[in-house]
Amino acid sequence: MADPKSDISAPQHDQVYRTLRSQIMYGEMQPGQALTIRGLATDHQVSMTPVREALRRLVAEGALTASVSGRVRTPELSNDRIEELASLRALIEVELASRALPRAHLALIDRLTAINGGVAVAVAQSDAVGYIRANLDFHRTLYLRAQAPAMLATLETVWLQLGPTMRALYGRMRGSGQPQNHRLILAALRAGDEPGLRVAVRADVTQGLRMLAR
């Protein structure tokens, strides 16, 4: 017979996990931000057990770090780690974009163009969280057409680890016009230009991060 407590706590754990995962990925937390089980339990109006399980999963994914004493924080990435994750983004995202190109119909390009409008608005308003959310929506929408779920799942783990660092980066941009690379991506999709698409995607996912690592 199933433990009734586990039946009750499982949905709570999943809800806390998904909420925290979203907050981390979209840069709603700063690098090095401390999280406490008691504080999160109060915020989410749940017991400490589902919070512990959610944090355990996020630490396993690299979204959070845990010290020997058990203190949990968002990661503060070294320059070497930023370079490594930027290289991973370049490898995976260029491949996903290339695989998506044969399925990039006009409706998809129109959808991406609309999303990119939201990216430009967020940049103009210096909305770091809005920028990250719209930017990742742009990329995810394209990569879903690649029909490579394992590759996309791996990429989302990279995005998750980078979330607070992306906040630090885009929070400094303040209207710098970053969507230019998205326009190049859209132009390459319309033209069916695979080499141009690969160059544009690589530039988009690495330029900012590598600037931050200097």
Protein backbone atom coordinates (compact mmCIF):
# COMPACT_ATOMS: atom_id res chain seq x y z
CA MET A 1 0.00 0.00 0.00
CA ALA A 2 1.34 3.45 -0.93
CA ASP A 3 2.37 5.83 1.82
CA PRO A 4 -0.32 8.55 1.92
CA LYS A 5 2.26 11.09 2.99
CA SER A 6 4.28 10.50 -0.19
CA ASP A 7 1.12 10.89 -2.27
CA ILE A 8 0.54 14.28 -0.68
CA SER A 9 4.15 15.52 -0.76
CA ALA A 10 4.99 14.47 -4.33
CA PRO A 11 2.85 17.15 -6.04
CA GLN A 12 4.13 19.75 -3.57
CA HIS A 13 7.73 18.78 -4.22
CA ASP A 14 7.20 18.94 -7.96
CA GLN A 15 5.54 22.35 -7.74
CA VAL A 16 8.35 23.77 -5.60
CA TYR A 17 10.95 22.25 -7.94
CA ARG A 18 9.35 23.66 -11.07
CA THR A 19 8.90 27.12 -9.56
CA LEU A 20 12.49 27.32 -8.34
CA ARG A 21 13.82 25.87 -11.59
CA SER A 22 12.01 28.55 -13.57
CA GLN A 23 13.24 31.32 -11.27
CA ILE A 24 16.83 30.14 -11.58
CA MET A 25 16.76 29.57 -15.35
CA TYR A 26 15.21 32.97 -16.08
CA GLY A 27 17.59 34.90 -13.85
CA GLU A 28 15.18 35.83 -11.08
CA MET A 29 17.97 34.99 -8.63
CA GLN A 30 21.39 36.60 -8.41
CA PRO A 31 24.67 34.63 -8.49
CA GLY A 32 25.57 33.44 -5.00
CA GLN A 33 22.09 34.00 -3.59
CA ALA A 34 21.51 31.92 -0.45
CA LEU A 35 18.40 29.79 -0.11
CA THR A 36 17.10 28.31 3.14
CA ILE A 37 14.76 25.37 3.51
CA ARG A 38 12.73 27.15 6.17
CA GLY A 39 12.44 30.32 4.11
CA LEU A 40 11.39 28.47 0.98
CA ALA A 41 8.88 26.38 2.94
CA THR A 42 7.31 29.59 4.22
CA ASP A 43 7.32 31.21 0.77
CA HIS A 44 5.69 28.19 -0.87
CA GLN A 45 3.42 27.39 2.09
CA VAL A 46 4.58 23.80 2.31
CA SER A 47 6.46 21.69 4.83
CA MET A 48 10.25 21.43 4.70
CA THR A 49 10.22 17.90 3.23
CA PRO A 50 9.15 18.82 -0.34
CA VAL A 51 11.54 21.78 -0.25
CA ARG A 52 14.45 19.49 0.65
CA GLU A 53 13.61 17.17 -2.23
CA ALA A 54 13.29 20.05 -4.70
CA LEU A 55 16.66 21.45 -3.62
CA ARG A 56 18.26 18.02 -3.87
CA ARG A 57 17.13 17.72 -7.49
CA LEU A 58 18.33 21.21 -8.36
CA VAL A 59 21.74 20.59 -6.79
CA ALA A 60 22.02 17.38 -8.83
CA GLU A 61 21.29 19.38 -12.00
CA GLY A 62 23.95 21.96 -11.18
CA ALA A 63 21.35 24.72 -10.77
CA LEU A 64 22.34 25.14 -7.11
CA THR A 65 25.44 24.41 -5.07
CA ALA A 66 25.53 22.88 -1.60
CA SER A 67 28.41 23.32 0.82
CA VAL A 68 29.68 20.67 3.24
CA SER A 69 27.67 22.39 5.96
CA GLY A 70 24.53 22.08 3.85
CA ARG A 71 24.16 25.72 2.83
CA VAL A 72 22.53 26.06 -0.58
CA ARG A 73 23.22 28.88 -3.02
CA THR A 74 22.87 29.74 -6.67
CA PRO A 75 26.21 29.19 -8.43
CA GLU A 76 28.86 31.86 -8.80
CA LEU A 77 30.58 30.70 -11.96
CA SER A 78 34.29 31.12 -12.55
CA ASN A 79 35.49 32.49 -15.88
CA ASP A 80 36.63 29.00 -16.88
CA ARG A 81 33.20 27.59 -16.11
CA ILE A 82 31.49 30.36 -18.09
CA GLU A 83 33.75 29.60 -21.05
CA GLU A 84 32.98 25.89 -20.77
CA LEU A 85 29.21 26.42 -20.68
CA ALA A 86 29.40 28.94 -23.53
CA SER A 87 31.23 26.33 -25.61
CA LEU A 88 28.59 23.74 -24.76
CA ARG A 89 25.86 26.14 -25.84
CA ALA A 90 27.64 26.74 -29.12
CA LEU A 91 28.06 23.04 -29.85
CA ILE A 92 24.53 21.98 -28.94
CA GLU A 93 22.57 24.99 -30.20
CA VAL A 94 24.30 25.16 -33.57
CA GLU A 95 23.49 21.48 -34.09
CA LEU A 96 19.86 21.91 -33.01
CA ALA A 97 19.41 24.91 -35.30
CA SER A 98 20.89 22.99 -38.22
CA ARG A 99 18.51 20.09 -37.60
CA ALA A 100 15.56 22.47 -37.29
CA LEU A 101 16.26 24.28 -40.58
CA PRO A 102 14.55 21.75 -42.92
CA ARG A 103 11.37 22.08 -40.79
CA ALA A 104 11.47 25.87 -40.47
CA HIS A 105 8.20 26.67 -42.23
CA LEU A 106 6.85 30.20 -42.62
CA ALA A 107 4.53 29.91 -39.61
CA LEU A 108 7.53 29.09 -37.40
CA ILE A 109 9.51 32.04 -38.74
CA ASP A 110 6.54 34.33 -38.10
CA ARG A 111 6.31 32.99 -34.55
CA LEU A 112 10.02 33.58 -33.97
CA THR A 113 9.71 37.11 -35.38
CA ALA A 114 6.93 37.86 -32.90
CA ILE A 115 8.95 36.49 -29.99
CA ASN A 116 11.92 38.57 -31.09
CA GLY A 117 9.74 41.65 -30.82
CA GLY A 118 9.33 40.83 -27.14
CA VAL A 119 13.09 40.42 -26.81
CA ALA A 120 13.64 43.91 -28.23
CA VAL A 121 11.05 45.40 -25.85
CA ALA A 122 12.75 43.78 -22.84
CA VAL A 123 16.14 45.12 -23.92
CA ALA A 124 14.76 48.62 -24.41
CA GLN A 125 13.23 48.51 -20.93
CA SER A 126 16.40 47.07 -19.32
CA ASP A 127 14.26 44.15 -18.13
CA ALA A 128 16.87 41.47 -17.52
CA VAL A 129 14.44 38.74 -16.48
CA GLY A 130 12.07 39.53 -19.34
CA TYR A 131 14.99 39.45 -21.75
CA ILE A 132 16.21 36.05 -20.58
CA ARG A 133 12.70 34.58 -20.68
CA ALA A 134 11.97 35.87 -24.20
CA ASN A 135 15.46 35.00 -25.45
CA LEU A 136 15.23 31.40 -24.29
CA ASP A 137 11.68 31.19 -25.67
CA PHE A 138 13.06 32.25 -29.07
CA HIS A 139 15.74 29.56 -29.01
CA ARG A 140 13.52 26.83 -27.55
CA THR A 141 10.80 27.47 -30.14
CA LEU A 142 13.33 27.01 -32.94
CA TYR A 143 15.03 23.97 -31.43
CA LEU A 144 11.78 22.10 -30.83
CA ARG A 145 11.63 21.76 -34.63
CA ALA A 146 14.87 19.75 -34.53
CA GLN A 147 12.96 16.83 -33.01
CA ALA A 148 15.94 15.96 -30.81
CA PRO A 149 14.49 15.80 -27.28
CA ALA A 150 17.56 14.36 -25.56
CA MET A 151 19.76 17.10 -27.00
CA LEU A 152 17.28 19.80 -26.00
CA ALA A 153 17.02 18.39 -22.46
CA THR A 154 20.81 18.55 -22.14
CA LEU A 155 20.77 22.13 -23.38
CA GLU A 156 18.13 23.13 -20.84
CA THR A 157 20.43 21.85 -18.09
CA VAL A 158 23.12 24.21 -19.41
CA TRP A 159 20.64 27.11 -19.49
CA LEU A 160 19.66 26.27 -15.92
CA GLN A 161 23.24 26.40 -14.67
CA LEU A 162 23.75 29.73 -16.45
CA GLY A 163 20.55 31.44 -15.28
CA PRO A 164 21.91 33.68 -12.48
CA THR A 165 25.02 34.48 -14.55
CA MET A 166 22.80 35.45 -17.49
CA ARG A 167 21.02 37.83 -15.13
CA ALA A 168 24.35 39.42 -14.22
CA LEU A 169 25.21 39.76 -17.92
CA TYR A 170 21.94 41.05 -19.33
CA GLY A 171 21.43 43.30 -16.35
CA ARG A 172 24.49 45.22 -17.60
CA MET A 173 23.40 45.41 -21.23
CA ARG A 174 20.82 48.19 -20.82
CA GLY A 175 19.54 48.50 -24.36
CA SER A 176 22.66 47.42 -26.23
CA GLY A 177 20.72 46.00 -29.18
CA GLN A 178 21.59 42.31 -28.68
CA PRO A 179 18.67 41.10 -30.85
CA GLN A 180 20.81 41.79 -33.98
CA ASN A 181 21.93 38.15 -33.97
CA HIS A 182 18.31 37.04 -33.82
CA ARG A 183 17.62 39.03 -36.96
CA LEU A 184 20.52 37.22 -38.65
CA ILE A 185 19.08 33.90 -37.50
CA LEU A 186 15.69 34.81 -38.95
CA ALA A 187 17.25 35.91 -42.25
CA ALA A 188 19.16 32.63 -42.52
CA LEU A 189 16.00 30.64 -41.81
CA ARG A 190 14.09 32.50 -44.52
CA ALA A 191 16.91 31.93 -47.03
CA GLY A 192 17.49 28.31 -46.06
CA ASP A 193 21.11 29.29 -45.43
CA GLU A 194 22.58 26.63 -43.15
CA PRO A 195 26.14 28.05 -42.95
CA GLY A 196 24.74 31.50 -42.19
CA LEU A 197 22.41 30.04 -39.57
CA ARG A 198 25.22 28.21 -37.83
CA VAL A 199 27.37 31.36 -37.71
CA ALA A 200 24.50 33.50 -36.39
CA VAL A 201 23.50 31.02 -33.68
CA ARG A 202 27.09 30.56 -32.53
CA ALA A 203 27.59 34.32 -32.29
CA ASP A 204 24.32 34.80 -30.43
CA VAL A 205 24.97 32.24 -27.73
CA THR A 206 28.65 32.97 -27.07
CA GLN A 207 29.40 36.67 -27.55
CA GLY A 208 27.78 37.96 -24.39
CA LEU A 209 28.94 35.18 -22.11
CA ARG A 210 32.51 35.38 -23.29
CA MET A 211 32.46 39.15 -22.84
CA LEU A 212 31.40 38.57 -19.22
CA ALA A 213 34.26 36.09 -18.70
CA ARG A 214 36.95 38.57 -19.71
